[in-house]
Protein backbone atom coordinates (compact mmCIF):
# COMPACT_ATOMS: atom_id res chain seq x y z
CA UNK A 1 0.02 0.18 -0.11
CA UNK A 2 2.71 2.05 -0.07
CA UNK A 3 2.06 3.73 -3.57
CA UNK A 4 2.83 7.64 -4.46
CA UNK A 5 -0.34 7.46 -6.26
CA UNK A 6 -3.71 5.44 -5.61
CA UNK A 7 -6.95 5.71 -7.14
CA UNK A 8 -10.24 4.57 -5.46
CA UNK A 9 -13.53 4.42 -6.14
CA UNK A 10 -17.22 2.76 -4.75
CA UNK A 11 -18.82 0.09 -6.97
CA UNK A 12 -17.79 -1.81 -9.62
CA UNK A 13 -16.28 -1.74 -12.73
CA UNK A 14 -19.26 -2.88 -14.42
CA UNK A 15 -21.66 -2.16 -12.09
CA UNK A 16 -22.96 1.16 -9.95
CA UNK A 17 -20.12 3.03 -8.91
CA UNK A 18 -18.72 6.54 -8.00
CA UNK A 19 -16.35 8.92 -9.72
CA UNK A 20 -12.36 7.83 -9.50
CA UNK A 21 -10.59 9.54 -6.85
CA UNK A 22 -7.38 9.74 -7.13
CA UNK A 23 -4.47 10.65 -4.10
CA UNK A 24 -0.88 11.36 -4.88
CA UNK A 25 2.06 13.04 -3.08
CA UNK A 26 5.24 14.59 -4.38
CA UNK A 27 9.54 15.06 -3.44
CA UNK A 28 7.89 18.22 -2.24
CA UNK A 29 6.27 16.83 1.07
CA UNK A 30 2.75 17.76 -0.14
CA UNK A 31 -0.51 15.51 -0.64
CA UNK A 32 -3.11 16.11 -3.35
CA UNK A 33 -6.83 14.56 -3.75
CA UNK A 34 -8.59 14.70 -6.84
CA UNK A 35 -11.66 13.54 -8.13
CA UNK A 36 -10.73 11.98 -12.27
CA UNK A 37 -13.65 13.62 -13.52
CA UNK A 38 -12.22 16.24 -13.02
CA UNK A 39 -8.70 16.03 -13.34
CA UNK A 40 -6.99 19.18 -14.46
CA UNK A 41 -9.60 21.16 -13.61
CA UNK A 42 -9.84 20.72 -9.31
CA UNK A 43 -7.95 19.37 -6.37
CA UNK A 44 -7.27 19.66 -2.94
CA UNK A 45 -3.75 20.38 -1.95
CA UNK A 46 -2.17 19.49 1.54
CA UNK A 47 0.84 21.54 1.29
CA UNK A 48 4.02 20.62 3.83
CA UNK A 49 3.61 23.63 5.92
CA UNK A 50 0.10 22.63 6.71
CA UNK A 51 -1.53 25.71 4.44
CA UNK A 52 -3.87 23.05 2.39
CA UNK A 53 -6.36 24.76 0.01
CA UNK A 54 -9.13 23.43 -2.10
CA UNK A 55 -10.02 24.80 -5.49
CA UNK A 56 -9.22 24.98 -9.14
CA UNK A 57 -5.82 24.36 -10.36
CA UNK A 58 -3.50 26.80 -11.83
CA UNK A 59 -4.02 25.59 -15.41
CA UNK A 60 -7.31 26.04 -14.94
CA UNK A 61 -7.97 29.15 -13.16
CA UNK A 62 -8.40 31.61 -16.57
CA UNK A 63 -10.88 29.14 -17.90
CA UNK A 64 -12.96 28.78 -14.16
CA UNK A 65 -12.56 32.71 -13.99
CA UNK A 66 -14.09 32.92 -17.87
CA UNK A 67 -16.65 30.38 -17.32
CA UNK A 68 -17.82 30.57 -13.24
CA UNK A 69 -16.84 34.49 -12.59
CA UNK A 70 -14.15 32.82 -10.41
CA UNK A 71 -11.74 35.13 -9.00
CA UNK A 72 -9.39 33.24 -6.89
CA UNK A 73 -8.88 29.71 -7.84
CA UNK A 74 -8.65 28.32 -4.00
CA UNK A 75 -12.83 28.49 -3.06
CA UNK A 76 -11.23 26.83 0.50
CA UNK A 77 -8.42 27.51 2.19
CA UNK A 78 -7.33 25.56 5.96
CA UNK A 79 -4.58 25.36 7.75
CA UNK A 80 -3.81 21.73 9.73
CA UNK A 81 -2.93 21.77 12.90
CA UNK A 82 0.52 20.40 14.65
CA UNK A 83 -0.42 17.24 16.12
CA UNK A 84 1.01 13.81 15.27
CA UNK A 85 -2.31 12.49 13.28
CA UNK A 86 -4.62 14.78 11.91
CA UNK A 87 -7.81 13.87 9.90
CA UNK A 88 -7.87 16.34 7.28
CA UNK A 89 -10.59 15.99 5.05
CA UNK A 90 -13.28 13.14 4.59
CA UNK A 91 -15.03 12.44 1.30
CA UNK A 92 -18.63 11.72 1.62
CA UNK A 93 -20.19 9.22 -1.37
CA UNK A 94 -24.09 8.70 -0.84
CA UNK A 95 -25.31 5.45 -2.21
CA UNK A 96 -27.98 7.77 -3.77
CA UNK A 97 -25.49 9.23 -6.16
CA UNK A 98 -23.35 6.01 -7.19
CA UNK A 99 -23.94 5.59 -11.25
CA UNK A 100 -23.14 3.81 -14.08
CA UNK A 101 -21.26 4.68 -17.21
CA UNK A 102 -18.50 3.43 -18.72
CA UNK A 103 -14.84 3.40 -17.59
CA UNK A 104 -11.32 3.10 -19.32
CA UNK A 105 -9.86 1.03 -16.52
CA UNK A 106 -6.08 2.21 -17.77
CA UNK A 107 -4.23 2.39 -14.44
CA UNK A 108 -4.99 0.03 -11.44
CA UNK A 109 -8.07 1.24 -9.59
CA UNK A 110 -9.06 -0.25 -5.77
CA UNK A 111 -12.82 -0.78 -5.95
CA UNK A 112 -14.38 -0.05 -2.71
CA UNK A 113 -18.01 -1.88 -1.29
CA UNK A 114 -21.02 0.02 -2.09
CA UNK A 115 -22.63 1.37 1.41
CA UNK A 116 -25.97 0.20 2.05
CA UNK A 117 -29.21 1.55 0.47
CA UNK A 118 -29.19 5.02 2.40
CA UNK A 119 -25.75 5.35 3.70
CA UNK A 120 -22.75 6.74 3.00
CA UNK A 121 -19.51 5.48 2.05
CA UNK A 122 -17.04 7.61 3.68
CA UNK A 123 -13.23 7.85 2.71
CA UNK A 124 -10.99 9.79 4.97
CA UNK A 125 -7.71 11.11 4.70
CA UNK A 126 -5.27 11.28 7.45
CA UNK A 127 -1.90 12.75 7.61
CA UNK A 128 0.63 11.25 10.15
CA UNK A 129 3.91 12.65 11.24
CA UNK A 130 6.52 10.05 11.09
CA UNK A 131 6.71 7.50 13.36
CA UNK A 132 3.11 7.67 14.10
CA UNK A 133 1.11 4.56 12.82
CA UNK A 134 -2.87 4.19 12.08
CA UNK A 135 -3.76 0.62 13.40
CA UNK A 136 -7.25 -0.59 13.60
CA UNK A 137 -8.19 -3.31 15.26
CA UNK A 138 -10.24 -6.10 12.72
CA UNK A 139 -14.32 -6.08 12.65
CA UNK A 140 -13.12 -2.11 13.78
CA UNK A 141 -16.63 -0.44 13.40
CA UNK A 142 -14.17 2.85 12.47
CA UNK A 143 -13.50 0.79 8.81
CA UNK A 144 -10.93 -0.27 7.13
CA UNK A 145 -7.34 0.76 6.05
CA UNK A 146 -7.48 1.22 2.33
CA UNK A 147 -4.27 2.57 0.97
CA UNK A 148 -1.10 4.86 2.73
CA UNK A 149 1.06 7.56 0.65
CA UNK A 150 4.58 7.37 2.06
CA UNK A 151 7.15 10.43 1.77
CA UNK A 152 10.35 10.98 3.85
CA UNK A 153 8.74 13.13 6.97
CA UNK A 154 5.41 12.19 6.57
CA UNK A 155 2.53 9.55 6.04
CA UNK A 156 -0.96 9.46 4.47
CA UNK A 157 -3.16 6.59 5.36
CA UNK A 158 -6.64 6.18 3.71
CA UNK A 159 -9.54 4.88 6.17
CA UNK A 160 -12.57 3.59 4.51
CA UNK A 161 -15.99 2.98 6.31
CA UNK A 162 -20.07 3.26 6.33
CA UNK A 163 -22.07 5.68 7.45
CA UNK A 164 -26.01 5.88 8.22
CA UNK A 165 -27.78 8.67 6.73
CA UNK A 166 -29.11 10.64 9.66
CA UNK A 167 -30.58 14.71 9.87
CA UNK A 168 -27.12 16.27 10.27
CA UNK A 169 -25.59 14.30 6.64
CA UNK A 170 -29.09 14.57 4.85
CA UNK A 171 -28.28 18.50 5.56
CA UNK A 172 -25.11 18.21 4.72
CA UNK A 173 -26.40 16.60 0.75
CA UNK A 174 -29.10 19.39 0.75
CA UNK A 175 -26.57 22.42 1.25
CA UNK A 176 -24.05 21.00 -1.30
CA UNK A 177 -26.79 20.83 -4.05
CA UNK A 178 -27.92 24.48 -3.10
CA UNK A 179 -23.91 25.14 -3.29
CA UNK A 180 -23.97 23.23 -6.38
CA UNK A 181 -26.92 24.55 -8.38
CA UNK A 182 -25.73 28.11 -7.37
CA UNK A 183 -22.36 27.50 -8.88
CA UNK A 184 -23.69 25.90 -12.18
CA UNK A 185 -26.71 28.16 -13.06
CA UNK A 186 -27.06 29.00 -16.96
CA UNK A 187 -23.75 26.54 -17.30
CA UNK A 188 -24.02 23.38 -19.63
CA UNK A 189 -22.68 20.38 -18.16
CA UNK A 190 -22.80 17.28 -19.62
CA UNK A 191 -24.49 14.04 -18.82
CA UNK A 192 -22.41 12.01 -16.12
CA UNK A 193 -20.58 14.67 -14.66
CA UNK A 194 -19.45 14.66 -11.02
CA UNK A 195 -19.42 17.35 -8.97
CA UNK A 196 -17.10 17.59 -5.74
CA UNK A 197 -18.50 20.47 -3.03
CA UNK A 198 -16.54 21.55 0.25
CA UNK A 199 -18.07 22.53 3.26
CA UNK A 200 -17.44 25.61 4.39
CA UNK A 201 -16.02 27.05 7.82
CA UNK A 202 -13.09 28.08 9.92
CA UNK A 203 -12.38 24.17 11.39
CA UNK A 204 -9.67 22.11 9.72
CA UNK A 205 -11.60 18.81 9.32
CA UNK A 206 -13.70 19.61 6.13
CA UNK A 207 -15.56 17.04 4.47
CA UNK A 208 -16.17 16.91 0.42
CA UNK A 209 -19.41 15.54 -0.91
CA UNK A 210 -19.65 14.00 -4.56
CA UNK A 211 -22.70 14.55 -6.12
CA UNK A 212 -24.18 14.24 -9.66
CA UNK A 213 -24.55 17.39 -11.71
């Protein structure tokens, strides 16, 4: 699991699935996360200095400005604390948002189990200073370790779990749809497009919601 690039998706190649999420690192000590559907356009950056960003890539910034009227390509900015283990991100993938579409699987993808009906598949990114490690007991309700990225000074561990839908999560989805609708107003979007919506706030442990456009 000690890869520099990991690709994860909920579902299966021939059945219903989520978008493909890519996790990677670079020689500078940074971690990055992006949905393959939006690759080259939107990413989440976790920099070595603990300053983090969610927004458009530098390559897509000019198009985003023209298409969406976005002046600052970093939609959300956050700082993760100086702690040995930090929960840096949760990706929420509702069972209701899975879709069926052809996928050219050129690269290896780790397929994650579909959450039960009315549940959410939750992918958690933990950033750990060395020598800190993450261990989950067998059968833990906190989920499974599904991947790891290792660089010189720190590691990123990726966990997956099922989260039952409740009023709070239902509200997150509703608010995410409203936020998405405001951004995509009067914008033509191809069928099958996926969207990533990050919650706003001053806290560092953000949640990103995958939605069908």
